[in-house]
């Protein structure tokens, strides 16, 4: 029985990514039925996505 014992190595826990609950542009809560997904992020709608892109381009130019 002693020969059959296996040593278990404890693996460090991976940090879990936080679930996105608010729109990045307007900070409204995102509902499951009405959401817009682009580039790995969720937005309220297409208008908020375009607003977020415009803001990020403007900040990048400064």
N, C-alpha and C. Protein backbone atom coordinates (compact mmCIF):
# COMPACT_ATOMS: atom_id res chain seq x y z
N UNK A 1 0.81 -1.20 0.00
CA UNK A 1 0.00 0.00 0.00
C UNK A 1 0.85 1.25 0.00
N UNK A 2 1.97 1.22 0.65
CA UNK A 2 2.82 2.40 0.73
C UNK A 2 3.38 2.74 -0.64
N UNK A 3 3.61 1.72 -1.46
CA UNK A 3 4.16 1.96 -2.80
C UNK A 3 3.12 2.62 -3.70
N UNK A 4 1.85 2.41 -3.41
CA UNK A 4 0.79 2.95 -4.26
C UNK A 4 0.43 4.40 -3.91
N UNK A 5 0.96 4.89 -2.84
CA UNK A 5 0.64 6.26 -2.44
C UNK A 5 1.21 7.23 -3.45
N UNK A 6 0.40 8.18 -3.83
CA UNK A 6 0.86 9.21 -4.77
C UNK A 6 0.87 10.54 -4.05
N UNK A 7 1.81 11.32 -4.43
CA UNK A 7 1.87 12.65 -3.82
C UNK A 7 1.07 13.61 -4.67
N UNK A 8 0.25 14.38 -4.04
CA UNK A 8 -0.56 15.36 -4.76
C UNK A 8 0.10 16.71 -4.62
N UNK A 9 0.30 17.33 -5.73
CA UNK A 9 0.90 18.65 -5.73
C UNK A 9 -0.21 19.69 -5.79
N UNK A 10 -0.09 20.68 -4.95
CA UNK A 10 -1.09 21.73 -4.91
C UNK A 10 -0.71 22.79 -5.94
N UNK A 11 -1.61 23.02 -6.89
CA UNK A 11 -1.36 24.02 -7.91
C UNK A 11 -1.93 25.35 -7.45
N UNK A 12 -1.22 26.45 -7.69
CA UNK A 12 -1.76 27.75 -7.27
C UNK A 12 -3.01 28.09 -8.05
N UNK A 13 -3.96 28.70 -7.38
CA UNK A 13 -5.23 29.05 -8.01
C UNK A 13 -5.02 30.19 -8.99
N UNK A 14 -5.66 30.08 -10.14
CA UNK A 14 -5.58 31.14 -11.15
C UNK A 14 -6.53 32.27 -10.75
N UNK A 15 -6.11 33.50 -10.92
CA UNK A 15 -7.03 34.60 -10.63
C UNK A 15 -8.15 34.62 -11.67
N UNK A 16 -9.37 34.68 -11.20
CA UNK A 16 -10.51 34.68 -12.10
C UNK A 16 -10.78 36.08 -12.60
N UNK A 17 -11.10 36.18 -13.87
CA UNK A 17 -11.43 37.47 -14.45
C UNK A 17 -12.80 37.91 -13.96
N UNK A 18 -12.94 39.19 -13.67
CA UNK A 18 -14.22 39.69 -13.19
C UNK A 18 -15.21 39.74 -14.33
N UNK A 19 -16.45 39.43 -14.03
CA UNK A 19 -17.51 39.45 -15.03
C UNK A 19 -17.94 40.89 -15.25
N UNK A 20 -17.99 41.29 -16.50
CA UNK A 20 -18.37 42.66 -16.83
C UNK A 20 -19.88 42.82 -16.68
N UNK A 21 -20.31 43.77 -15.87
CA UNK A 21 -21.74 43.96 -15.63
C UNK A 21 -22.25 45.30 -16.15
N UNK A 22 -21.35 46.24 -16.42
CA UNK A 22 -21.78 47.57 -16.88
C UNK A 22 -21.16 47.88 -18.23
N UNK A 23 -21.87 48.73 -18.97
CA UNK A 23 -21.39 49.19 -20.27
C UNK A 23 -20.15 50.06 -20.05
N UNK A 24 -19.16 49.93 -20.93
CA UNK A 24 -17.92 50.70 -20.78
C UNK A 24 -18.09 52.16 -21.16
N UNK A 25 -19.07 52.47 -22.01
CA UNK A 25 -19.27 53.85 -22.46
C UNK A 25 -20.17 54.65 -21.52
N UNK A 26 -21.32 54.08 -21.17
CA UNK A 26 -22.30 54.86 -20.39
C UNK A 26 -22.48 54.35 -18.96
N UNK A 27 -21.86 53.23 -18.62
CA UNK A 27 -21.90 52.65 -17.29
C UNK A 27 -23.28 52.17 -16.86
N UNK A 28 -24.16 51.89 -17.81
CA UNK A 28 -25.46 51.31 -17.48
C UNK A 28 -25.29 49.81 -17.28
N UNK A 29 -26.15 49.19 -16.45
CA UNK A 29 -26.09 47.74 -16.30
C UNK A 29 -26.45 47.06 -17.62
N UNK A 30 -25.69 46.02 -17.96
CA UNK A 30 -25.95 45.29 -19.20
C UNK A 30 -26.92 44.16 -18.91
N UNK A 31 -27.97 44.10 -19.69
CA UNK A 31 -28.96 43.04 -19.54
C UNK A 31 -28.62 41.91 -20.50
N UNK A 32 -29.01 40.71 -20.11
CA UNK A 32 -28.65 39.55 -20.90
C UNK A 32 -29.31 39.57 -22.28
N UNK A 33 -30.54 40.03 -22.35
CA UNK A 33 -31.27 40.02 -23.61
C UNK A 33 -30.80 41.11 -24.56
N UNK A 34 -30.37 42.23 -24.02
CA UNK A 34 -29.97 43.34 -24.86
C UNK A 34 -28.52 43.71 -24.57
N UNK A 35 -27.60 43.17 -25.38
CA UNK A 35 -26.20 43.49 -25.21
C UNK A 35 -25.50 43.43 -26.56
N UNK A 36 -24.41 44.15 -26.66
CA UNK A 36 -23.66 44.27 -27.90
C UNK A 36 -22.22 43.87 -27.60
N UNK A 37 -21.72 42.84 -28.27
CA UNK A 37 -20.41 42.27 -27.99
C UNK A 37 -19.44 42.60 -29.11
N UNK A 38 -18.33 43.26 -28.77
CA UNK A 38 -17.27 43.56 -29.73
C UNK A 38 -15.92 43.46 -29.05
N UNK A 39 -14.98 42.81 -29.71
CA UNK A 39 -13.59 42.73 -29.27
C UNK A 39 -13.44 42.28 -27.82
N UNK A 40 -14.24 41.32 -27.40
CA UNK A 40 -14.10 40.76 -26.07
C UNK A 40 -14.74 41.58 -24.96
N UNK A 41 -15.53 42.59 -25.30
CA UNK A 41 -16.18 43.44 -24.30
C UNK A 41 -17.65 43.60 -24.65
N UNK A 42 -18.46 43.89 -23.62
CA UNK A 42 -19.89 44.08 -23.80
C UNK A 42 -20.26 45.55 -23.69
N UNK A 43 -21.22 45.97 -24.49
CA UNK A 43 -21.75 47.33 -24.49
C UNK A 43 -23.28 47.25 -24.52
N UNK A 44 -23.95 48.39 -24.23
CA UNK A 44 -25.42 48.43 -24.28
C UNK A 44 -25.93 48.20 -25.69
N UNK A 45 -25.36 48.96 -26.60
CA UNK A 45 -25.79 48.91 -27.99
C UNK A 45 -24.65 49.37 -28.89
N UNK A 46 -24.92 49.44 -30.18
CA UNK A 46 -23.89 49.81 -31.14
C UNK A 46 -23.45 51.26 -30.97
N UNK A 47 -24.38 52.12 -30.56
CA UNK A 47 -24.05 53.54 -30.36
C UNK A 47 -23.02 53.70 -29.24
N UNK A 48 -23.18 52.98 -28.16
CA UNK A 48 -22.23 53.04 -27.05
C UNK A 48 -20.87 52.50 -27.48
N UNK A 49 -20.85 51.48 -28.30
CA UNK A 49 -19.59 50.93 -28.79
C UNK A 49 -18.84 51.97 -29.62
N UNK A 50 -19.57 52.65 -30.52
CA UNK A 50 -18.94 53.68 -31.35
C UNK A 50 -18.45 54.85 -30.49
N UNK A 51 -19.20 55.21 -29.47
CA UNK A 51 -18.79 56.28 -28.56
C UNK A 51 -17.50 55.91 -27.83
N UNK A 52 -17.42 54.68 -27.35
CA UNK A 52 -16.23 54.21 -26.65
C UNK A 52 -15.01 54.22 -27.57
N UNK A 53 -15.18 53.79 -28.81
CA UNK A 53 -14.08 53.78 -29.78
C UNK A 53 -13.62 55.20 -30.07
N UNK A 54 -14.57 56.12 -30.24
CA UNK A 54 -14.22 57.51 -30.51
C UNK A 54 -13.45 58.13 -29.35
N UNK A 55 -13.86 57.83 -28.12
CA UNK A 55 -13.17 58.36 -26.93
C UNK A 55 -11.75 57.81 -26.84
N UNK A 56 -11.60 56.52 -27.11
CA UNK A 56 -10.27 55.93 -27.00
C UNK A 56 -9.33 56.44 -28.07
N UNK A 57 -9.85 56.71 -29.28
CA UNK A 57 -9.00 57.30 -30.34
C UNK A 57 -8.60 58.72 -29.97
N UNK A 58 -9.53 59.47 -29.39
CA UNK A 58 -9.25 60.86 -29.00
C UNK A 58 -8.17 60.92 -27.92
N UNK A 59 -8.25 60.00 -26.94
CA UNK A 59 -7.26 59.96 -25.85
C UNK A 59 -5.90 59.51 -26.38
N UNK A 60 -5.90 58.64 -27.38
CA UNK A 60 -4.64 58.16 -27.93
C UNK A 60 -3.89 59.28 -28.68
N UNK A 61 -4.63 60.22 -29.26
CA UNK A 61 -4.02 61.31 -30.00
C UNK A 61 -3.38 62.32 -29.06
N UNK A 62 -3.87 62.44 -27.86
CA UNK A 62 -3.34 63.44 -26.90
C UNK A 62 -2.03 63.07 -26.34
